[in-house]
Protein backbone atom coordinates (compact mmCIF):
# COMPACT_ATOMS: atom_id res chain seq x y z
CA UNK A 1 -22.51 1.35 13.66
CA UNK A 2 -19.18 2.09 15.35
CA UNK A 3 -20.15 0.56 18.70
CA UNK A 4 -18.35 3.25 20.69
CA UNK A 5 -19.44 3.34 24.33
CA UNK A 6 -19.27 7.10 24.81
CA UNK A 7 -20.09 9.79 22.26
CA UNK A 8 -18.06 12.97 22.08
CA UNK A 9 -19.79 15.97 23.62
CA UNK A 10 -20.54 18.36 20.72
CA UNK A 11 -19.02 21.18 22.78
CA UNK A 12 -15.60 19.65 22.01
CA UNK A 13 -16.00 21.02 18.45
CA UNK A 14 -16.15 24.54 19.84
CA UNK A 15 -12.94 23.92 21.81
CA UNK A 16 -11.32 22.70 18.60
CA UNK A 17 -12.64 25.65 16.62
CA UNK A 18 -11.10 28.14 19.06
CA UNK A 19 -7.66 27.28 17.69
CA UNK A 20 -7.94 25.81 14.22
CA UNK A 21 -4.19 25.98 13.66
CA UNK A 22 -3.64 23.62 16.59
CA UNK A 23 -6.40 21.16 15.64
CA UNK A 24 -5.24 21.10 12.01
CA UNK A 25 -1.62 20.48 12.99
CA UNK A 26 -2.67 17.69 15.34
CA UNK A 27 -4.90 16.26 12.61
CA UNK A 28 -2.12 16.31 10.01
CA UNK A 29 0.16 14.29 12.29
CA UNK A 30 -2.66 11.84 13.07
CA UNK A 31 -2.92 11.15 9.33
CA UNK A 32 0.83 10.59 9.05
CA UNK A 33 0.73 8.14 11.98
CA UNK A 34 -2.22 6.29 10.42
CA UNK A 35 -0.21 5.85 7.22
CA UNK A 36 2.76 4.61 9.24
CA UNK A 37 0.57 2.11 11.08
CA UNK A 38 -0.75 0.71 7.79
CA UNK A 39 2.81 0.36 6.54
CA UNK A 40 3.82 -1.38 9.79
CA UNK A 41 1.02 -3.91 9.32
CA UNK A 42 2.14 -4.53 5.73
CA UNK A 43 5.79 -5.03 6.69
CA UNK A 44 5.04 -7.57 9.41
CA UNK A 45 2.26 -9.43 7.60
CA UNK A 46 3.33 -9.40 3.96
CA UNK A 47 2.25 -13.01 3.46
CA UNK A 48 -1.37 -11.81 3.20
CA UNK A 49 -1.63 -10.43 -0.34
CA UNK A 50 -5.12 -8.97 0.08
CA UNK A 51 -4.08 -7.18 3.28
CA UNK A 52 -0.98 -5.79 1.56
CA UNK A 53 -3.06 -4.49 -1.35
CA UNK A 54 -5.79 -2.89 0.75
CA UNK A 55 -3.48 -1.44 3.39
CA UNK A 56 -1.26 0.01 0.67
CA UNK A 57 -4.33 1.90 -0.54
CA UNK A 58 -5.08 3.03 3.01
CA UNK A 59 -1.49 4.19 3.56
CA UNK A 60 -1.62 6.21 0.35
CA UNK A 61 -5.01 7.65 1.25
CA UNK A 62 -3.82 8.62 4.74
CA UNK A 63 -0.86 10.48 3.24
CA UNK A 64 -3.23 12.18 0.81
CA UNK A 65 -5.25 13.27 3.84
CA UNK A 66 -2.04 14.56 5.41
CA UNK A 67 -1.40 16.54 2.24
CA UNK A 68 -4.96 17.92 2.20
CA UNK A 69 -4.71 19.05 5.82
CA UNK A 70 -1.28 20.53 5.16
CA UNK A 71 -2.69 22.43 2.18
CA UNK A 72 -5.46 23.87 4.36
CA UNK A 73 -2.85 24.89 6.92
CA UNK A 74 -0.81 26.70 4.24
CA UNK A 75 -3.86 28.32 2.59
CA UNK A 76 -4.91 29.79 5.93
CA UNK A 77 -1.46 31.16 6.68
CA UNK A 78 -0.86 28.73 9.53
CA UNK A 79 2.27 26.68 10.20
CA UNK A 80 2.33 22.89 10.39
CA UNK A 81 4.24 22.80 13.63
CA UNK A 82 5.96 19.85 15.22
CA UNK A 83 4.45 16.41 15.68
CA UNK A 84 2.24 16.15 18.77
CA UNK A 85 2.27 13.29 21.22
CA UNK A 86 -1.10 11.56 21.24
CA UNK A 87 -1.74 10.44 24.81
CA UNK A 88 -5.00 8.76 23.79
CA UNK A 89 -3.21 6.57 21.24
CA UNK A 90 -0.38 5.87 23.70
CA UNK A 91 -2.94 4.59 26.21
CA UNK A 92 -4.44 2.34 23.53
CA UNK A 93 -0.96 0.99 22.74
CA UNK A 94 -0.68 -0.14 26.36
CA UNK A 95 -3.89 -2.16 25.94
CA UNK A 96 -2.41 -4.13 23.01
CA UNK A 97 -1.69 -7.74 23.93
CA UNK A 98 2.02 -8.39 23.70
CA UNK A 99 2.41 -11.68 25.54
CA UNK A 100 0.45 -14.05 23.33
CA UNK A 101 0.98 -15.67 19.97
CA UNK A 102 2.15 -13.87 16.83
CA UNK A 103 -1.42 -14.14 15.56
CA UNK A 104 -2.78 -12.55 18.73
CA UNK A 105 -0.39 -9.61 18.37
CA UNK A 106 -1.37 -9.26 14.69
CA UNK A 107 -5.11 -9.32 15.42
CA UNK A 108 -4.71 -6.88 18.31
CA UNK A 109 -2.76 -4.47 16.09
CA UNK A 110 -5.63 -4.60 13.59
CA UNK A 111 -8.15 -3.95 16.38
CA UNK A 112 -6.00 -1.10 17.69
CA UNK A 113 -6.11 0.44 14.21
CA UNK A 114 -9.87 -0.12 13.96
CA UNK A 115 -10.37 1.57 17.33
CA UNK A 116 -8.45 4.68 16.31
CA UNK A 117 -10.30 4.86 13.00
CA UNK A 118 -13.66 4.48 14.76
CA UNK A 119 -12.95 7.31 17.21
CA UNK A 120 -11.50 9.51 14.46
CA UNK A 121 -14.62 8.90 12.37
CA UNK A 122 -16.81 9.87 15.31
CA UNK A 123 -14.75 13.00 16.03
CA UNK A 124 -14.87 14.05 12.38
CA UNK A 125 -18.66 13.67 12.49
CA UNK A 126 -18.81 15.93 15.54
CA UNK A 127 -16.63 18.52 13.81
CA UNK A 128 -18.61 18.36 10.56
CA UNK A 129 -21.89 18.93 12.39
CA UNK A 130 -20.80 21.52 14.94
CA UNK A 131 -18.27 23.95 13.55
CA UNK A 132 -19.22 27.19 11.82
CA UNK A 133 -16.48 26.99 9.18
CA UNK A 134 -18.33 25.67 6.11
CA UNK A 135 -15.18 24.56 4.27
CA UNK A 136 -13.96 22.53 7.24
CA UNK A 137 -17.43 21.20 7.96
CA UNK A 138 -17.58 19.64 4.49
CA UNK A 139 -13.95 18.52 4.69
CA UNK A 140 -14.55 16.66 7.96
CA UNK A 141 -17.74 15.10 6.65
CA UNK A 142 -15.83 13.65 3.69
CA UNK A 143 -13.06 12.36 5.95
CA UNK A 144 -15.63 10.80 8.29
CA UNK A 145 -16.76 8.53 5.45
CA UNK A 146 -13.17 7.55 4.68
CA UNK A 147 -12.39 6.73 8.32
CA UNK A 148 -15.50 4.55 8.54
CA UNK A 149 -14.25 2.54 5.57
CA UNK A 150 -10.82 2.13 7.17
CA UNK A 151 -12.42 1.02 10.43
CA UNK A 152 -14.39 -1.69 8.62
CA UNK A 153 -11.30 -2.82 6.69
CA UNK A 154 -9.25 -3.36 9.85
CA UNK A 155 -12.08 -5.26 11.55
CA UNK A 156 -12.57 -7.39 8.44
CA UNK A 157 -8.93 -8.44 8.40
CA UNK A 158 -8.90 -9.13 12.15
CA UNK A 159 -11.78 -11.55 11.66
CA UNK A 160 -10.36 -13.08 8.51
CA UNK A 161 -6.87 -13.76 9.80
CA UNK A 162 -7.55 -14.69 13.41
CA UNK A 163 -6.49 -18.24 14.19
CA UNK A 164 -6.50 -18.21 17.97
CA UNK A 165 -8.42 -15.09 19.01
CA UNK A 166 -12.16 -14.68 19.54
CA UNK A 167 -12.26 -11.40 17.63
CA UNK A 168 -15.80 -10.44 18.65
CA UNK A 169 -14.94 -10.94 22.33
CA UNK A 170 -11.66 -9.06 22.03
CA UNK A 171 -13.33 -6.22 20.12
CA UNK A 172 -15.85 -5.86 22.98
CA UNK A 173 -12.90 -5.60 25.37
CA UNK A 174 -11.40 -2.88 23.18
CA UNK A 175 -14.71 -0.99 23.15
CA UNK A 176 -15.01 -1.20 26.94
CA UNK A 177 -11.43 -0.07 27.47
CA UNK A 178 -11.79 2.82 25.04
CA UNK A 179 -15.14 3.83 26.52
CA UNK A 180 -13.51 4.23 29.94
CA UNK A 181 -10.41 5.88 28.49
CA UNK A 182 -12.25 8.50 26.44
CA UNK A 183 -13.94 9.86 29.59
CA UNK A 184 -10.63 11.60 30.33
CA UNK A 185 -10.60 13.36 26.97
CA UNK A 186 -12.71 15.84 25.05
CA UNK A 187 -11.45 19.10 26.46
CA UNK A 188 -8.47 20.13 24.36
CA UNK A 189 -7.59 21.06 20.80
CA UNK A 190 -6.56 17.65 19.51
CA UNK A 191 -8.39 15.12 17.35
CA UNK A 192 -8.32 12.55 20.16
CA UNK A 193 -7.93 15.09 22.98
């Protein structure tokens, strides 16, 4: 369904499980950044009422996810820690088209968001199926479903509001780029790492 070119090796879940405090901190900040991205899209595209309404819901939901992860961190006696840089996301940012029309930049930002949601969904599936912690296994299964919905929402809006971009073609380019990029990841305690 997601179209990702390379699946995460299930052994990554064991790497993540070796330091749950680190993976949870990284995850919390990923949720905050996802909320910020939804807000960014609203601010720069407020003429689209349906997008504003749906992305407002996503921004709220992402902050609720942040809160849920933060609560797990506190309940386990961990500390949230500082925001982490996300090299994976920074590499995706570089793939965004910046030299085309306003519509092209808008559509690419939606596809960028869809890409992150797709990989997060896939990583949450791997965690839910491969970690021994039953509470976190269920938690990540539930979040996997949410991320899949977000992924579909961003793709839907890219297709709906594209005026000068072949969205299917550009999405294939995103999938190819991400498939090559993700080969360098999967060996550290980060959601996209």
